[in-house]
């Protein structure tokens, strides 16, 4: 009985360790079509619809919406959205994107330059 419990405990421990390793890191597919919102801004990442079937790789774009002084909403579109690692943290990067969007988890993104949290 002791051998069985010892083996069961070791098996459970190893399973837990492997599960925790596989859960780390957010993929761009997990952020696709999710809205991240603050009081003044929000953004969404979407998959670019490719009419040419020459490439199997998926491409994404980020649309950042922001309230302007006139009360209306302006927006910017950023192409080639990717997740990159810097100093052990994951960031959303795109062409000409001038803000640092740190990925906290798949539901929270933090703008480290302006100290804003998008949820």
PDB file of N, CA and C in Angstrom:
ATOM      1  N   UNK A   1       0.826  -1.200   0.000  1.00  0.00           N
ATOM      2  CA  UNK A   1       0.000   0.000   0.000  1.00  0.00           C
ATOM      3  C   UNK A   1       0.867   1.259   0.000  1.00  0.00           C
ATOM      4  N   UNK A   2       1.976   1.234   0.770  1.00  0.00           N
ATOM      5  CA  UNK A   2       2.854   2.398   0.828  1.00  0.00           C
ATOM      6  C   UNK A   2       3.514   2.651  -0.522  1.00  0.00           C
ATOM      7  N   UNK A   3       3.881   1.569  -1.233  1.00  0.00           N
ATOM      8  CA  UNK A   3       4.489   1.723  -2.554  1.00  0.00           C
ATOM      9  C   UNK A   3       3.499   2.377  -3.516  1.00  0.00           C
ATOM     10  N   UNK A   4       2.261   1.941  -3.447  1.00  0.00           N
ATOM     11  CA  UNK A   4       1.229   2.504  -4.316  1.00  0.00           C
ATOM     12  C   UNK A   4       1.040   3.993  -4.043  1.00  0.00           C
ATOM     13  N   UNK A   5       0.928   4.375  -2.777  1.00  0.00           N
ATOM     14  CA  UNK A   5       0.741   5.784  -2.428  1.00  0.00           C
ATOM     15  C   UNK A   5       1.946   6.625  -2.835  1.00  0.00           C
ATOM     16  N   UNK A   6       3.124   6.072  -2.674  1.00  0.00           N
ATOM     17  CA  UNK A   6       4.338   6.796  -3.051  1.00  0.00           C
ATOM     18  C   UNK A   6       4.374   7.021  -4.567  1.00  0.00           C
ATOM     19  N   UNK A   7       4.063   5.990  -5.339  1.00  0.00           N
ATOM     20  CA  UNK A   7       4.031   6.118  -6.803  1.00  0.00           C
ATOM     21  C   UNK A   7       2.924   7.072  -7.245  1.00  0.00           C
ATOM     22  N   UNK A   8       1.794   6.990  -6.612  1.00  0.00           N
ATOM     23  CA  UNK A   8       0.679   7.886  -6.942  1.00  0.00           C
ATOM     24  C   UNK A   8       1.058   9.338  -6.661  1.00  0.00           C
ATOM     25  N   UNK A   9       1.708   9.579  -5.540  1.00  0.00           N
ATOM     26  CA  UNK A   9       2.138  10.931  -5.181  1.00  0.00           C
ATOM     27  C   UNK A   9       3.152  11.463  -6.192  1.00  0.00           C
ATOM     28  N   UNK A  10       4.126  10.648  -6.569  1.00  0.00           N
ATOM     29  CA  UNK A  10       5.138  11.068  -7.541  1.00  0.00           C
ATOM     30  C   UNK A  10       4.492  11.341  -8.899  1.00  0.00           C
ATOM     31  N   UNK A  11       3.590  10.479  -9.336  1.00  0.00           N
ATOM     32  CA  UNK A  11       2.888  10.677 -10.600  1.00  0.00           C
ATOM     33  C   UNK A  11       2.096  11.988 -10.593  1.00  0.00           C
ATOM     34  N   UNK A  12       1.392  12.255  -9.505  1.00  0.00           N
ATOM     35  CA  UNK A  12       0.609  13.486  -9.379  1.00  0.00           C
ATOM     36  C   UNK A  12       1.512  14.711  -9.401  1.00  0.00           C
ATOM     37  N   UNK A  13       2.621  14.650  -8.723  1.00  0.00           N
ATOM     38  CA  UNK A  13       3.562  15.762  -8.681  1.00  0.00           C
ATOM     39  C   UNK A  13       4.144  16.049 -10.063  1.00  0.00           C
ATOM     40  N   UNK A  14       4.545  15.019 -10.771  1.00  0.00           N
ATOM     41  CA  UNK A  14       5.097  15.195 -12.120  1.00  0.00           C
ATOM     42  C   UNK A  14       4.042  15.749 -13.066  1.00  0.00           C
ATOM     43  N   UNK A  15       2.825  15.263 -12.977  1.00  0.00           N
ATOM     44  CA  UNK A  15       1.736  15.772 -13.817  1.00  0.00           C
ATOM     45  C   UNK A  15       1.485  17.251 -13.554  1.00  0.00           C
ATOM     46  N   UNK A  16       1.477  17.646 -12.314  1.00  0.00           N
ATOM     47  CA  UNK A  16       1.293  19.058 -11.963  1.00  0.00           C
ATOM     48  C   UNK A  16       2.412  19.924 -12.521  1.00  0.00           C
ATOM     49  N   UNK A  17       3.631  19.462 -12.433  1.00  0.00           N
ATOM     50  CA  UNK A  17       4.770  20.231 -12.947  1.00  0.00           C
ATOM     51  C   UNK A  17       4.650  20.417 -14.451  1.00  0.00           C
ATOM     52  N   UNK A  18       4.333  19.362 -15.190  1.00  0.00           N
ATOM     53  CA  UNK A  18       4.199  19.481 -16.633  1.00  0.00           C
ATOM     54  C   UNK A  18       3.027  20.365 -17.034  1.00  0.00           C
ATOM     55  N   UNK A  19       1.954  20.326 -16.308  1.00  0.00           N
ATOM     56  CA  UNK A  19       0.804  21.184 -16.601  1.00  0.00           C
ATOM     57  C   UNK A  19       1.147  22.649 -16.389  1.00  0.00           C
ATOM     58  N   UNK A  20       1.914  22.959 -15.383  1.00  0.00           N
ATOM     59  CA  UNK A  20       2.271  24.355 -15.131  1.00  0.00           C
ATOM     60  C   UNK A  20       3.215  24.880 -16.195  1.00  0.00           C
ATOM     61  N   UNK A  21       4.089  24.036 -16.746  1.00  0.00           N
ATOM     62  CA  UNK A  21       4.983  24.479 -17.810  1.00  0.00           C
ATOM     63  C   UNK A  21       4.216  24.755 -19.091  1.00  0.00           C
ATOM     64  N   UNK A  22       3.233  23.952 -19.406  1.00  0.00           N
ATOM     65  CA  UNK A  22       2.492  24.137 -20.644  1.00  0.00           C
ATOM     66  C   UNK A  22       1.548  25.329 -20.580  1.00  0.00           C
ATOM     67  N   UNK A  23       1.196  25.810 -19.411  1.00  0.00           N
ATOM     68  CA  UNK A  23       0.250  26.919 -19.277  1.00  0.00           C
ATOM     69  C   UNK A  23       0.913  28.280 -19.426  1.00  0.00           C
ATOM     70  N   UNK A  24       2.244  28.340 -19.405  1.00  0.00           N
ATOM     71  CA  UNK A  24       2.924  29.628 -19.482  1.00  0.00           C
ATOM     72  C   UNK A  24       2.919  30.143 -20.908  1.00  0.00           C
ATOM     73  N   UNK A  25       2.817  31.467 -21.044  1.00  0.00           N
ATOM     74  CA  UNK A  25       2.880  32.095 -22.349  1.00  0.00           C
ATOM     75  C   UNK A  25       1.514  32.225 -22.987  1.00  0.00           C
ATOM     76  N   UNK A  26       1.273  33.396 -23.527  1.00  0.00           N
ATOM     77  CA  UNK A  26       0.027  33.673 -24.229  1.00  0.00           C
ATOM     78  C   UNK A  26       0.338  33.700 -25.718  1.00  0.00           C
ATOM     79  N   UNK A  27      -0.487  33.067 -26.501  1.00  0.00           N
ATOM     80  CA  UNK A  27      -0.297  33.053 -27.945  1.00  0.00           C
ATOM     81  C   UNK A  27      -1.196  34.104 -28.569  1.00  0.00           C
ATOM     82  N   UNK A  28      -0.789  34.574 -29.733  1.00  0.00           N
ATOM     83  CA  UNK A  28      -1.540  35.623 -30.423  1.00  0.00           C
ATOM     84  C   UNK A  28      -2.953  35.137 -30.765  1.00  0.00           C
ATOM     85  N   UNK A  29      -3.112  33.843 -30.996  1.00  0.00           N
ATOM     86  CA  UNK A  29      -4.438  33.301 -31.305  1.00  0.00           C
ATOM     87  C   UNK A  29      -5.402  33.460 -30.132  1.00  0.00           C
ATOM     88  N   UNK A  30      -4.867  33.452 -28.899  1.00  0.00           N
ATOM     89  CA  UNK A  30      -5.714  33.620 -27.719  1.00  0.00           C
ATOM     90  C   UNK A  30      -6.222  35.053 -27.591  1.00  0.00           C
ATOM     91  N   UNK A  31      -5.518  36.010 -28.188  1.00  0.00           N
ATOM     92  CA  UNK A  31      -5.915  37.415 -28.107  1.00  0.00           C
ATOM     93  C   UNK A  31      -6.765  37.844 -29.296  1.00  0.00           C
ATOM     94  N   UNK A  32      -6.910  36.983 -30.280  1.00  0.00           N
ATOM     95  CA  UNK A  32      -7.647  37.310 -31.492  1.00  0.00           C
ATOM     96  C   UNK A  32      -9.111  37.617 -31.181  1.00  0.00           C
ATOM     97  N   UNK A  33      -9.565  38.768 -31.659  1.00  0.00           N
ATOM     98  CA  UNK A  33     -10.949  39.236 -31.533  1.00  0.00           C
ATOM     99  C   UNK A  33     -11.386  39.495 -30.098  1.00  0.00           C
ATOM    100  N   UNK A  34     -10.454  39.729 -29.193  1.00  0.00           N
ATOM    101  CA  UNK A  34     -10.792  40.139 -27.826  1.00  0.00           C
ATOM    102  C   UNK A  34     -10.612  41.646 -27.726  1.00  0.00           C
ATOM    103  N   UNK A  35     -11.540  42.288 -27.043  1.00  0.00           N
ATOM    104  CA  UNK A  35     -11.463  43.731 -26.847  1.00  0.00           C
ATOM    105  C   UNK A  35     -10.819  44.019 -25.496  1.00  0.00           C
ATOM    106  N   UNK A  36      -9.827  44.917 -25.512  1.00  0.00           N
ATOM    107  CA  UNK A  36      -9.148  45.351 -24.295  1.00  0.00           C
ATOM    108  C   UNK A  36      -9.462  46.828 -24.117  1.00  0.00           C
ATOM    109  N   UNK A  37     -10.063  47.189 -22.970  1.00  0.00           N
ATOM    110  CA  UNK A  37     -10.704  48.496 -22.808  1.00  0.00           C
ATOM    111  C   UNK A  37     -10.164  49.238 -21.593  1.00  0.00           C
ATOM    112  N   UNK A  38      -9.980  50.573 -21.744  1.00  0.00           N
ATOM    113  CA  UNK A  38      -9.781  51.499 -20.626  1.00  0.00           C
ATOM    114  C   UNK A  38     -10.860  52.567 -20.758  1.00  0.00           C
ATOM    115  N   UNK A  39     -10.773  53.596 -19.939  1.00  0.00           N
ATOM    116  CA  UNK A  39     -11.787  54.649 -19.973  1.00  0.00           C
ATOM    117  C   UNK A  39     -11.718  55.464 -21.270  1.00  0.00           C
ATOM    118  N   UNK A  40     -10.511  55.735 -21.747  1.00  0.00           N
ATOM    119  CA  UNK A  40     -10.339  56.602 -22.910  1.00  0.00           C
ATOM    120  C   UNK A  40     -10.026  55.853 -24.207  1.00  0.00           C
ATOM    121  N   UNK A  41      -9.515  54.635 -24.097  1.00  0.00           N
ATOM    122  CA  UNK A  41      -9.056  53.908 -25.278  1.00  0.00           C
ATOM    123  C   UNK A  41      -9.509  52.457 -25.221  1.00  0.00           C
ATOM    124  N   UNK A  42      -9.489  51.820 -26.379  1.00  0.00           N
ATOM    125  CA  UNK A  42      -9.610  50.367 -26.424  1.00  0.00           C
ATOM    126  C   UNK A  42      -8.966  49.876 -27.711  1.00  0.00           C
ATOM    127  N   UNK A  43      -8.567  48.611 -27.698  1.00  0.00           N
ATOM    128  CA  UNK A  43      -7.999  48.042 -28.913  1.00  0.00           C
ATOM    129  C   UNK A  43      -8.456  46.608 -29.079  1.00  0.00           C
ATOM    130  N   UNK A  44      -8.342  46.148 -30.308  1.00  0.00           N
ATOM    131  CA  UNK A  44      -8.705  44.778 -30.653  1.00  0.00           C
ATOM    132  C   UNK A  44      -7.666  44.260 -31.646  1.00  0.00           C
ATOM    133  N   UNK A  45      -7.315  42.991 -31.503  1.00  0.00           N
ATOM    134  CA  UNK A  45      -6.412  42.331 -32.441  1.00  0.00           C
ATOM    135  C   UNK A  45      -7.259  41.387 -33.282  1.00  0.00           C
ATOM    136  N   UNK A  46      -7.088  41.471 -34.604  1.00  0.00           N
ATOM    137  CA  UNK A  46      -7.860  40.610 -35.497  1.00  0.00           C
ATOM    138  C   UNK A  46      -6.945  39.962 -36.519  1.00  0.00           C
ATOM    139  N   UNK A  47      -7.387  38.812 -36.981  1.00  0.00           N
ATOM    140  CA  UNK A  47      -6.631  38.109 -38.017  1.00  0.00           C
ATOM    141  C   UNK A  47      -6.908  38.763 -39.359  1.00  0.00           C
ATOM    142  N   UNK A  48      -5.850  38.984 -40.111  1.00  0.00           N
ATOM    143  CA  UNK A  48      -5.981  39.580 -41.433  1.00  0.00           C
ATOM    144  C   UNK A  48      -6.505  38.518 -42.387  1.00  0.00           C
ATOM    145  N   UNK A  49      -7.575  38.833 -43.087  1.00  0.00           N
ATOM    146  CA  UNK A  49      -8.155  37.896 -44.042  1.00  0.00           C
ATOM    147  C   UNK A  49      -7.289  37.900 -45.291  1.00  0.00           C
ATOM    148  N   UNK A  50      -6.664  36.773 -45.560  1.00  0.00           N
ATOM    149  CA  UNK A  50      -5.748  36.656 -46.682  1.00  0.00           C
ATOM    150  C   UNK A  50      -6.491  36.078 -47.877  1.00  0.00           C
ATOM    151  N   UNK A  51      -6.615  36.872 -48.937  1.00  0.00           N
ATOM    152  CA  UNK A  51      -7.285  36.384 -50.136  1.00  0.00           C
ATOM    153  C   UNK A  51      -6.345  35.520 -50.967  1.00  0.00           C
ATOM    154  N   UNK A  52      -5.036  35.740 -50.815  1.00  0.00           N
ATOM    155  CA  UNK A  52      -4.056  34.914 -51.518  1.00  0.00           C
ATOM    156  C   UNK A  52      -3.684  33.745 -50.620  1.00  0.00           C
ATOM    157  N   UNK A  53      -3.775  32.564 -51.129  1.00  0.00           N
ATOM    158  CA  UNK A  53      -3.456  31.378 -50.341  1.00  0.00           C
ATOM    159  C   UNK A  53      -2.003  30.953 -50.524  1.00  0.00           C
ATOM    160  N   UNK A  54      -1.103  31.902 -50.774  1.00  0.00           N
ATOM    161  CA  UNK A  54       0.302  31.563 -50.993  1.00  0.00           C
ATOM    162  C   UNK A  54       1.028  31.288 -49.692  1.00  0.00           C
ATOM    163  N   UNK A  55       0.561  31.837 -48.594  1.00  0.00           N
ATOM    164  CA  UNK A  55       1.258  31.671 -47.317  1.00  0.00           C
ATOM    165  C   UNK A  55       0.330  31.033 -46.297  1.00  0.00           C
ATOM    166  N   UNK A  56       0.870  30.073 -45.563  1.00  0.00           N
ATOM    167  CA  UNK A  56       0.075  29.419 -44.525  1.00  0.00           C
ATOM    168  C   UNK A  56       0.106  30.172 -43.211  1.00  0.00           C
ATOM    169  N   UNK A  57       1.056  31.095 -43.053  1.00  0.00           N
ATOM    170  CA  UNK A  57       1.174  31.812 -41.783  1.00  0.00           C
ATOM    171  C   UNK A  57       0.070  32.851 -41.658  1.00  0.00           C
ATOM    172  N   UNK A  58      -0.474  32.949 -40.464  1.00  0.00           N
ATOM    173  CA  UNK A  58      -1.541  33.911 -40.214  1.00  0.00           C
ATOM    174  C   UNK A  58      -0.933  35.254 -39.858  1.00  0.00           C
ATOM    175  N   UNK A  59      -1.549  36.319 -40.330  1.00  0.00           N
ATOM    176  CA  UNK A  59      -1.088  37.663 -40.000  1.00  0.00           C
ATOM    177  C   UNK A  59      -2.205  38.377 -39.256  1.00  0.00           C
ATOM    178  N   UNK A  60      -1.802  39.234 -38.332  1.00  0.00           N
ATOM    179  CA  UNK A  60      -2.757  39.930 -37.483  1.00  0.00           C
ATOM    180  C   UNK A  60      -2.525  41.432 -37.566  1.00  0.00           C
ATOM    181  N   UNK A  61      -3.576  42.193 -37.268  1.00  0.00           N
ATOM    182  CA  UNK A  61      -3.454  43.642 -37.155  1.00  0.00           C
ATOM    183  C   UNK A  61      -4.143  44.093 -35.877  1.00  0.00           C
ATOM    184  N   UNK A  62      -3.710  45.240 -35.376  1.00  0.00           N
ATOM    185  CA  UNK A  62      -4.252  45.806 -34.142  1.00  0.00           C
ATOM    186  C   UNK A  62      -4.924  47.123 -34.493  1.00  0.00           C
ATOM    187  N   UNK A  63      -6.146  47.306 -34.039  1.00  0.00           N
ATOM    188  CA  UNK A  63      -6.851  48.568 -34.220  1.00  0.00           C
ATOM    189  C   UNK A  63      -7.010  49.213 -32.852  1.00  0.00           C
ATOM    190  N   UNK A  64      -6.439  50.417 -32.704  1.00  0.00           N
ATOM    191  CA  UNK A  64      -6.477  51.165 -31.448  1.00  0.00           C
ATOM    192  C   UNK A  64      -7.457  52.320 -31.614  1.00  0.00           C
ATOM    193  N   UNK A  65      -8.509  52.323 -30.813  1.00  0.00           N
ATOM    194  CA  UNK A  65      -9.523  53.373 -30.838  1.00  0.00           C
ATOM    195  C   UNK A  65      -9.285  54.306 -29.661  1.00  0.00           C
ATOM    196  N   UNK A  66      -9.477  55.615 -29.909  1.00  0.00           N
ATOM    197  CA  UNK A  66      -9.212  56.601 -28.862  1.00  0.00           C
ATOM    198  C   UNK A  66     -10.192  57.762 -28.999  1.00  0.00           C
ATOM    199  N   UNK A  67     -10.681  58.248 -27.850  1.00  0.00           N
ATOM    200  CA  UNK A  67     -11.546  59.427 -27.866  1.00  0.00           C
ATOM    201  C   UNK A  67     -10.704  60.649 -28.198  1.00  0.00           C
ATOM    202  N   UNK A  68     -11.214  61.475 -29.097  1.00  0.00           N
ATOM    203  CA  UNK A  68     -10.532  62.726 -29.425  1.00  0.00           C
ATOM    204  C   UNK A  68     -11.306  63.876 -28.802  1.00  0.00           C
ATOM    205  N   UNK A  69     -10.720  65.062 -28.811  1.00  0.00           N
ATOM    206  CA  UNK A  69     -11.300  66.205 -28.098  1.00  0.00           C
ATOM    207  C   UNK A  69     -12.698  66.574 -28.574  1.00  0.00           C
ATOM    208  N   UNK A  70     -13.006  66.337 -29.826  1.00  0.00           N
ATOM    209  CA  UNK A  70     -14.319  66.712 -30.343  1.00  0.00           C
ATOM    210  C   UNK A  70     -15.426  65.773 -29.868  1.00  0.00           C
ATOM    211  N   UNK A  71     -15.058  64.726 -29.141  1.00  0.00           N
ATOM    212  CA  UNK A  71     -16.062  63.797 -28.626  1.00  0.00           C
ATOM    213  C   UNK A  71     -16.239  62.574 -29.497  1.00  0.00           C
ATOM    214  N   UNK A  72     -15.692  62.610 -30.697  1.00  0.00           N
ATOM    215  CA  UNK A  72     -15.798  61.446 -31.566  1.00  0.00           C
ATOM    216  C   UNK A  72     -14.648  60.476 -31.280  1.00  0.00           C
ATOM    217  N   UNK A  73     -14.636  59.396 -31.994  1.00  0.00           N
ATOM    218  CA  UNK A  73     -13.614  58.379 -31.783  1.00  0.00           C
ATOM    219  C   UNK A  73     -12.720  58.288 -33.009  1.00  0.00           C
ATOM    220  N   UNK A  74     -11.414  58.358 -32.767  1.00  0.00           N
ATOM    221  CA  UNK A  74     -10.445  58.163 -33.835  1.00  0.00           C
ATOM    222  C   UNK A  74      -9.807  56.795 -33.689  1.00  0.00           C
ATOM    223  N   UNK A  75      -9.198  56.311 -34.745  1.00  0.00           N
ATOM    224  CA  UNK A  75      -8.563  55.001 -34.651  1.00  0.00           C
ATOM    225  C   UNK A  75      -7.306  54.942 -35.509  1.00  0.00           C
ATOM    226  N   UNK A  76      -6.416  54.035 -35.133  1.00  0.00           N
ATOM    227  CA  UNK A  76      -5.195  53.752 -35.881  1.00  0.00           C
ATOM    228  C   UNK A  76      -5.117  52.240 -36.076  1.00  0.00           C
ATOM    229  N   UNK A  77      -4.620  51.835 -37.229  1.00  0.00           N
ATOM    230  CA  UNK A  77      -4.452  50.415 -37.524  1.00  0.00           C
ATOM    231  C   UNK A  77      -2.959  50.118 -37.628  1.00  0.00           C
ATOM    232  N   UNK A  78      -2.516  49.094 -36.911  1.00  0.00           N
ATOM    233  CA  UNK A  78      -1.114  48.688 -36.906  1.00  0.00           C
ATOM    234  C   UNK A  78      -1.010  47.270 -37.470  1.00  0.00           C
ATOM    235  N   UNK A  79      -0.146  47.098 -38.450  1.00  0.00           N
ATOM    236  CA  UNK A  79       0.017  45.813 -39.134  1.00  0.00           C
ATOM    237  C   UNK A  79       1.083  44.948 -38.464  1.00  0.00           C
ATOM    238  N   UNK A  80       1.118  43.686 -38.832  1.00  0.00           N
ATOM    239  CA  UNK A  80       2.133  42.710 -38.408  1.00  0.00           C
ATOM    240  C   UNK A  80       2.247  42.596 -36.891  1.00  0.00           C
ATOM    241  N   UNK A  81       1.158  42.318 -36.241  1.00  0.00           N
ATOM    242  CA  UNK A  81       1.136  42.169 -34.783  1.00  0.00           C
ATOM    243  C   UNK A  81       1.765  40.829 -34.405  1.00  0.00           C
ATOM    244  N   UNK A  82       2.670  40.890 -33.426  1.00  0.00           N
ATOM    245  CA  UNK A  82       3.358  39.692 -32.936  1.00  0.00           C
ATOM    246  C   UNK A  82       3.526  39.799 -31.430  1.00  0.00           C
ATOM    247  N   UNK A  83       3.869  38.692 -30.816  1.00  0.00           N
ATOM    248  CA  UNK A  83       4.231  38.684 -29.400  1.00  0.00           C
ATOM    249  C   UNK A  83       5.736  38.472 -29.326  1.00  0.00           C
ATOM    250  N   UNK A  84       6.408  39.389 -28.634  1.00  0.00           N
ATOM    251  CA  UNK A  84       7.856  39.267 -28.474  1.00  0.00           C
ATOM    252  C   UNK A  84       8.201  39.264 -26.996  1.00  0.00           C
ATOM    253  N   UNK A  85       9.344  38.670 -26.678  1.00  0.00           N
ATOM    254  CA  UNK A  85       9.795  38.604 -25.287  1.00  0.00           C
ATOM    255  C   UNK A  85      10.935  39.585 -25.084  1.00  0.00           C
ATOM    256  N   UNK A  86      10.872  40.299 -23.949  1.00  0.00           N
ATOM    257  CA  UNK A  86      11.909  41.264 -23.597  1.00  0.00           C
ATOM    258  C   UNK A  86      12.033  41.262 -22.079  1.00  0.00           C
ATOM    259  N   UNK A  87      13.219  41.006 -21.576  1.00  0.00           N
ATOM    260  CA  UNK A  87      13.484  40.953 -20.134  1.00  0.00           C
ATOM    261  C   UNK A  87      12.581  39.947 -19.415  1.00  0.00           C
ATOM    262  N   UNK A  88      12.277  38.839 -20.062  1.00  0.00           N
ATOM    263  CA  UNK A  88      11.450  37.804 -19.452  1.00  0.00           C
ATOM    264  C   UNK A  88       9.960  38.101 -19.474  1.00  0.00           C
ATOM    265  N   UNK A  89       9.560  39.202 -20.096  1.00  0.00           N
ATOM    266  CA  UNK A  89       8.142  39.569 -20.183  1.00  0.00           C
ATOM    267  C   UNK A  89       7.704  39.499 -21.640  1.00  0.00           C
ATOM    268  N   UNK A  90       6.412  39.304 -21.847  1.00  0.00           N
ATOM    269  CA  UNK A  90       5.864  39.243 -23.198  1.00  0.00           C
ATOM    270  C   UNK A  90       5.200  40.565 -23.543  1.00  0.00           C
ATOM    271  N   UNK A  91       5.462  41.050 -24.764  1.00  0.00           N
ATOM    272  CA  UNK A  91       4.904  42.305 -25.237  1.00  0.00           C
ATOM    273  C   UNK A  91       4.244  42.102 -26.589  1.00  0.00           C
ATOM    274  N   UNK A  92       3.203  42.904 -26.842  1.00  0.00           N
ATOM    275  CA  UNK A  92       2.582  42.937 -28.156  1.00  0.00           C
ATOM    276  C   UNK A  92       3.337  43.982 -28.962  1.00  0.00           C
ATOM    277  N   UNK A  93       3.831  43.586 -30.131  1.00  0.00           N
ATOM    278  CA  UNK A  93       4.544  44.515 -31.001  1.00  0.00           C
ATOM    279  C   UNK A  93       3.854  44.552 -32.356  1.00  0.00           C
ATOM    280  N   UNK A  94       3.994  45.683 -33.031  1.00  0.00           N
ATOM    281  CA  UNK A  94       3.443  45.851 -34.369  1.00  0.00           C
ATOM    282  C   UNK A  94       4.232  46.951 -35.067  1.00  0.00           C
ATOM    283  N   UNK A  95       4.081  47.028 -36.377  1.00  0.00           N
ATOM    284  CA  UNK A  95       4.761  48.072 -37.140  1.00  0.00           C
ATOM    285  C   UNK A  95       4.263  49.443 -36.696  1.00  0.00           C
ATOM    286  N   UNK A  96       5.186  50.340 -36.367  1.00  0.00           N
ATOM    287  CA  UNK A  96       4.917  51.736 -35.980  1.00  0.00           C
ATOM    288  C   UNK A  96       4.117  51.893 -34.688  1.00  0.00           C
ATOM    289  N   UNK A  97       3.986  50.869 -33.899  1.00  0.00           N
ATOM    290  CA  UNK A  97       3.289  50.962 -32.610  1.00  0.00           C
ATOM    291  C   UNK A  97       4.254  51.558 -31.598  1.00  0.00           C
ATOM    292  N   UNK A  98       3.916  52.729 -31.053  1.00  0.00           N
ATOM    293  CA  UNK A  98       4.845  53.445 -30.177  1.00  0.00           C
ATOM    294  C   UNK A  98       4.547  53.271 -28.691  1.00  0.00           C
ATOM    295  N   UNK A  99       3.633  52.395 -28.336  1.00  0.00           N
ATOM    296  CA  UNK A  99       3.360  52.124 -26.924  1.00  0.00           C
ATOM    297  C   UNK A  99       3.818  50.701 -26.603  1.00  0.00           C
ATOM    298  N   UNK A 100       4.207  50.484 -25.351  1.00  0.00           N
ATOM    299  CA  UNK A 100       4.644  49.162 -24.906  1.00  0.00           C
ATOM    300  C   UNK A 100       3.470  48.452 -24.253  1.00  0.00           C
ATOM    301  N   UNK A 101       2.956  47.430 -24.901  1.00  0.00           N
ATOM    302  CA  UNK A 101       1.819  46.674 -24.388  1.00  0.00           C
ATOM    303  C   UNK A 101       2.322  45.357 -23.805  1.00  0.00           C
ATOM    304  N   UNK A 102       2.406  45.304 -22.478  1.00  0.00           N
ATOM    305  CA  UNK A 102       2.880  44.108 -21.792  1.00  0.00           C
ATOM    306  C   UNK A 102       1.705  43.177 -21.530  1.00  0.00           C
ATOM    307  N   UNK A 103       1.897  41.904 -21.829  1.00  0.00           N
ATOM    308  CA  UNK A 103       0.849  40.912 -21.610  1.00  0.00           C
ATOM    309  C   UNK A 103       0.949  40.413 -20.177  1.00  0.00           C
ATOM    310  N   UNK A 104      -0.073  40.705 -19.376  1.00  0.00           N
ATOM    311  CA  UNK A 104      -0.140  40.193 -18.010  1.00  0.00           C
ATOM    312  C   UNK A 104      -0.722  38.777 -18.043  1.00  0.00           C
ATOM    313  N   UNK A 105      -1.861  38.622 -18.694  1.00  0.00           N
ATOM    314  CA  UNK A 105      -2.463  37.316 -18.968  1.00  0.00           C
ATOM    315  C   UNK A 105      -3.358  37.492 -20.186  1.00  0.00           C
ATOM    316  N   UNK A 106      -4.141  36.485 -20.545  1.00  0.00           N
ATOM    317  CA  UNK A 106      -4.953  36.595 -21.759  1.00  0.00           C
ATOM    318  C   UNK A 106      -6.153  37.519 -21.602  1.00  0.00           C
ATOM    319  N   UNK A 107      -6.354  38.083 -20.415  1.00  0.00           N
ATOM    320  CA  UNK A 107      -7.461  39.015 -20.187  1.00  0.00           C
ATOM    321  C   UNK A 107      -6.996  40.408 -19.797  1.00  0.00           C
ATOM    322  N   UNK A 108      -5.705  40.598 -19.553  1.00  0.00           N
ATOM    323  CA  UNK A 108      -5.182  41.887 -19.092  1.00  0.00           C
ATOM    324  C   UNK A 108      -3.907  42.243 -19.848  1.00  0.00           C
ATOM    325  N   UNK A 109      -3.897  43.451 -20.418  1.00  0.00           N
ATOM    326  CA  UNK A 109      -2.733  43.997 -21.111  1.00  0.00           C
ATOM    327  C   UNK A 109      -2.403  45.325 -20.444  1.00  0.00           C
ATOM    328  N   UNK A 110      -1.110  45.586 -20.212  1.00  0.00           N
ATOM    329  CA  UNK A 110      -0.705  46.821 -19.541  1.00  0.00           C
ATOM    330  C   UNK A 110       0.140  47.672 -20.478  1.00  0.00           C
ATOM    331  N   UNK A 111      -0.243  48.942 -20.616  1.00  0.00           N
ATOM    332  CA  UNK A 111       0.550  49.924 -21.347  1.00  0.00           C
ATOM    333  C   UNK A 111       1.581  50.463 -20.363  1.00  0.00           C
ATOM    334  N   UNK A 112       2.837  50.053 -20.498  1.00  0.00           N
ATOM    335  CA  UNK A 112       3.855  50.410 -19.513  1.00  0.00           C
ATOM    336  C   UNK A 112       4.304  51.861 -19.633  1.00  0.00           C
ATOM    337  N   UNK A 113       4.150  52.481 -20.803  1.00  0.00           N
ATOM    338  CA  UNK A 113       4.549  53.890 -20.948  1.00  0.00           C
ATOM    339  C   UNK A 113       3.561  54.829 -20.266  1.00  0.00           C
ATOM    340  N   UNK A 114       2.274  54.557 -20.419  1.00  0.00           N
ATOM    341  CA  UNK A 114       1.234  55.430 -19.869  1.00  0.00           C
ATOM    342  C   UNK A 114       0.625  54.891 -18.583  1.00  0.00           C
ATOM    343  N   UNK A 115       1.085  53.737 -18.128  1.00  0.00           N
ATOM    344  CA  UNK A 115       0.596  53.092 -16.909  1.00  0.00           C
ATOM    345  C   UNK A 115      -0.927  52.882 -16.936  1.00  0.00           C
ATOM    346  N   UNK A 116      -1.409  52.310 -18.040  1.00  0.00           N
ATOM    347  CA  UNK A 116      -2.829  51.989 -18.198  1.00  0.00           C
ATOM    348  C   UNK A 116      -2.993  50.480 -18.285  1.00  0.00           C
ATOM    349  N   UNK A 117      -4.072  49.975 -17.725  1.00  0.00           N
ATOM    350  CA  UNK A 117      -4.384  48.554 -17.843  1.00  0.00           C
ATOM    351  C   UNK A 117      -5.619  48.386 -18.706  1.00  0.00           C
ATOM    352  N   UNK A 118      -5.473  47.588 -19.745  1.00  0.00           N
ATOM    353  CA  UNK A 118      -6.595  47.242 -20.612  1.00  0.00           C
ATOM    354  C   UNK A 118      -7.133  45.902 -20.146  1.00  0.00           C
ATOM    355  N   UNK A 119      -8.452  45.841 -19.927  1.00  0.00           N
ATOM    356  CA  UNK A 119      -9.087  44.579 -19.508  1.00  0.00           C
ATOM    357  C   UNK A 119     -10.246  44.271 -20.414  1.00  0.00           C
TER     358      UNK A 119
END
